[in-house]
Amino acid sequence: MIIVQLNIIPVIFVVLQVKWQTVLWGIALQFVFALFVLRWQAGRTAFEWLGFRFTEFLGYSDFGAEFVFGASFREHFVAFQVILLLHTYGHVQGRVNV
């Protein structure tokens, strides 16, 4: 029982360090996006288009993995799908922020 109570102390200090303005902005943006998508056809269409573009982007990662590792890359999902996707996304993000 004492161990459980002592484990809560670091959690309290972390909660006190949270920038609540950032959290509230995130929740507000989620609410606005939800209204945009659920209320208006234009919002639904915009996010659908964005989803197709993201799927196309993921396809580039598959094409690169097949080029480098051959057609059997799909047998090793984590090694050739997840890690390469994270690497490709990180590379693109690095180029965007320059």
Protein backbone atom coordinates (compact mmCIF):
# COMPACT_ATOMS: atom_id res chain seq x y z
CA MET A 1 0.00 0.00 0.00
CA ILE A 2 2.80 2.41 0.84
CA ILE A 3 4.56 1.58 -2.45
CA VAL A 4 1.44 2.48 -4.42
CA GLN A 5 1.14 5.79 -2.57
CA LEU A 6 4.82 6.59 -3.17
CA ASN A 7 4.41 5.90 -6.90
CA ILE A 8 1.79 8.65 -7.13
CA ILE A 9 4.22 11.37 -6.01
CA PRO A 10 6.09 11.59 -9.36
CA VAL A 11 2.76 11.64 -11.21
CA ILE A 12 1.62 14.64 -9.18
CA PHE A 13 4.79 16.56 -10.06
CA VAL A 14 4.34 15.75 -13.77
CA VAL A 15 0.72 16.91 -13.72
CA LEU A 16 1.79 20.17 -12.11
CA GLN A 17 4.28 20.77 -14.96
CA VAL A 18 1.73 20.30 -17.76
CA LYS A 19 1.05 23.42 -19.79
CA TRP A 20 -2.73 23.34 -19.61
CA GLN A 21 -3.15 26.04 -22.24
CA THR A 22 -1.64 23.66 -24.81
CA VAL A 23 -3.94 20.84 -23.70
CA LEU A 24 -7.02 23.07 -23.92
CA TRP A 25 -5.99 24.31 -27.39
CA GLY A 26 -5.64 20.70 -28.53
CA ILE A 27 -9.09 19.78 -27.24
CA ALA A 28 -10.61 22.88 -28.85
CA LEU A 29 -8.98 22.07 -32.21
CA GLN A 30 -10.30 18.52 -32.02
CA PHE A 31 -13.79 19.86 -31.38
CA VAL A 32 -13.55 22.30 -34.32
CA PHE A 33 -12.28 19.58 -36.67
CA ALA A 34 -15.07 17.26 -35.52
CA LEU A 35 -17.68 19.91 -36.27
CA PHE A 36 -16.05 20.60 -39.62
CA VAL A 37 -16.13 16.94 -40.63
CA LEU A 38 -19.47 15.94 -39.14
CA ARG A 39 -21.54 19.00 -40.06
CA TRP A 40 -20.38 19.96 -43.56
CA GLN A 41 -19.83 17.90 -46.67
CA ALA A 42 -16.87 20.12 -47.60
CA GLY A 43 -15.09 19.13 -44.39
CA ARG A 44 -15.76 15.47 -44.98
CA THR A 45 -14.50 15.77 -48.56
CA ALA A 46 -11.38 17.66 -47.46
CA PHE A 47 -10.40 15.05 -44.90
CA GLU A 48 -11.20 12.25 -47.33
CA TRP A 49 -8.86 13.86 -49.87
CA LEU A 50 -6.20 14.25 -47.19
CA GLY A 51 -6.59 10.57 -46.28
CA PHE A 52 -6.09 9.53 -49.90
CA ARG A 53 -2.94 11.67 -50.12
CA PHE A 54 -1.60 10.08 -46.94
CA THR A 55 -2.33 6.60 -48.30
CA GLU A 56 -0.48 7.56 -51.47
CA PHE A 57 2.45 8.70 -49.32
CA LEU A 58 2.48 5.34 -47.52
CA GLY A 59 2.53 3.62 -50.92
CA TYR A 60 5.83 5.35 -51.67
CA SER A 61 7.29 3.71 -48.58
CA ASP A 62 6.09 0.30 -49.83
CA PHE A 63 7.58 0.93 -53.25
CA GLY A 64 10.93 1.88 -51.72
CA ALA A 65 10.95 -1.20 -49.48
CA GLU A 66 10.18 -3.46 -52.42
CA PHE A 67 12.94 -1.83 -54.47
CA VAL A 68 15.55 -2.27 -51.72
CA PHE A 69 14.53 -5.59 -50.14
CA GLY A 70 12.66 -7.40 -52.91
CA ALA A 71 9.12 -8.70 -53.21
CA SER A 72 9.32 -10.73 -49.97
CA PHE A 73 9.51 -7.61 -47.79
CA ARG A 74 5.81 -7.98 -46.88
CA GLU A 75 6.55 -11.16 -44.90
CA HIS A 76 8.38 -9.11 -42.25
CA PHE A 77 5.77 -6.49 -41.41
CA VAL A 78 7.45 -4.66 -38.53
CA ALA A 79 10.94 -4.61 -40.02
CA PHE A 80 9.98 -3.50 -43.49
CA GLN A 81 6.69 -1.65 -43.02
CA VAL A 82 6.62 0.09 -39.66
CA ILE A 83 10.27 1.04 -39.30
CA LEU A 84 10.58 2.20 -42.92
CA LEU A 85 7.38 4.20 -42.61
CA LEU A 86 8.68 5.98 -39.52
CA HIS A 87 12.00 6.62 -41.25
CA THR A 88 10.32 8.02 -44.38
CA TYR A 89 7.95 10.21 -42.34
CA GLY A 90 10.85 11.53 -40.26
CA HIS A 91 12.78 12.34 -43.41
CA VAL A 92 9.85 14.23 -44.90
CA GLN A 93 9.24 16.12 -41.66
CA GLY A 94 12.91 17.09 -41.54
CA ARG A 95 12.66 18.51 -45.05
CA VAL A 96 9.45 20.39 -44.30
CA ASN A 97 10.82 22.15 -41.21
CA VAL A 98 14.02 23.36 -42.91
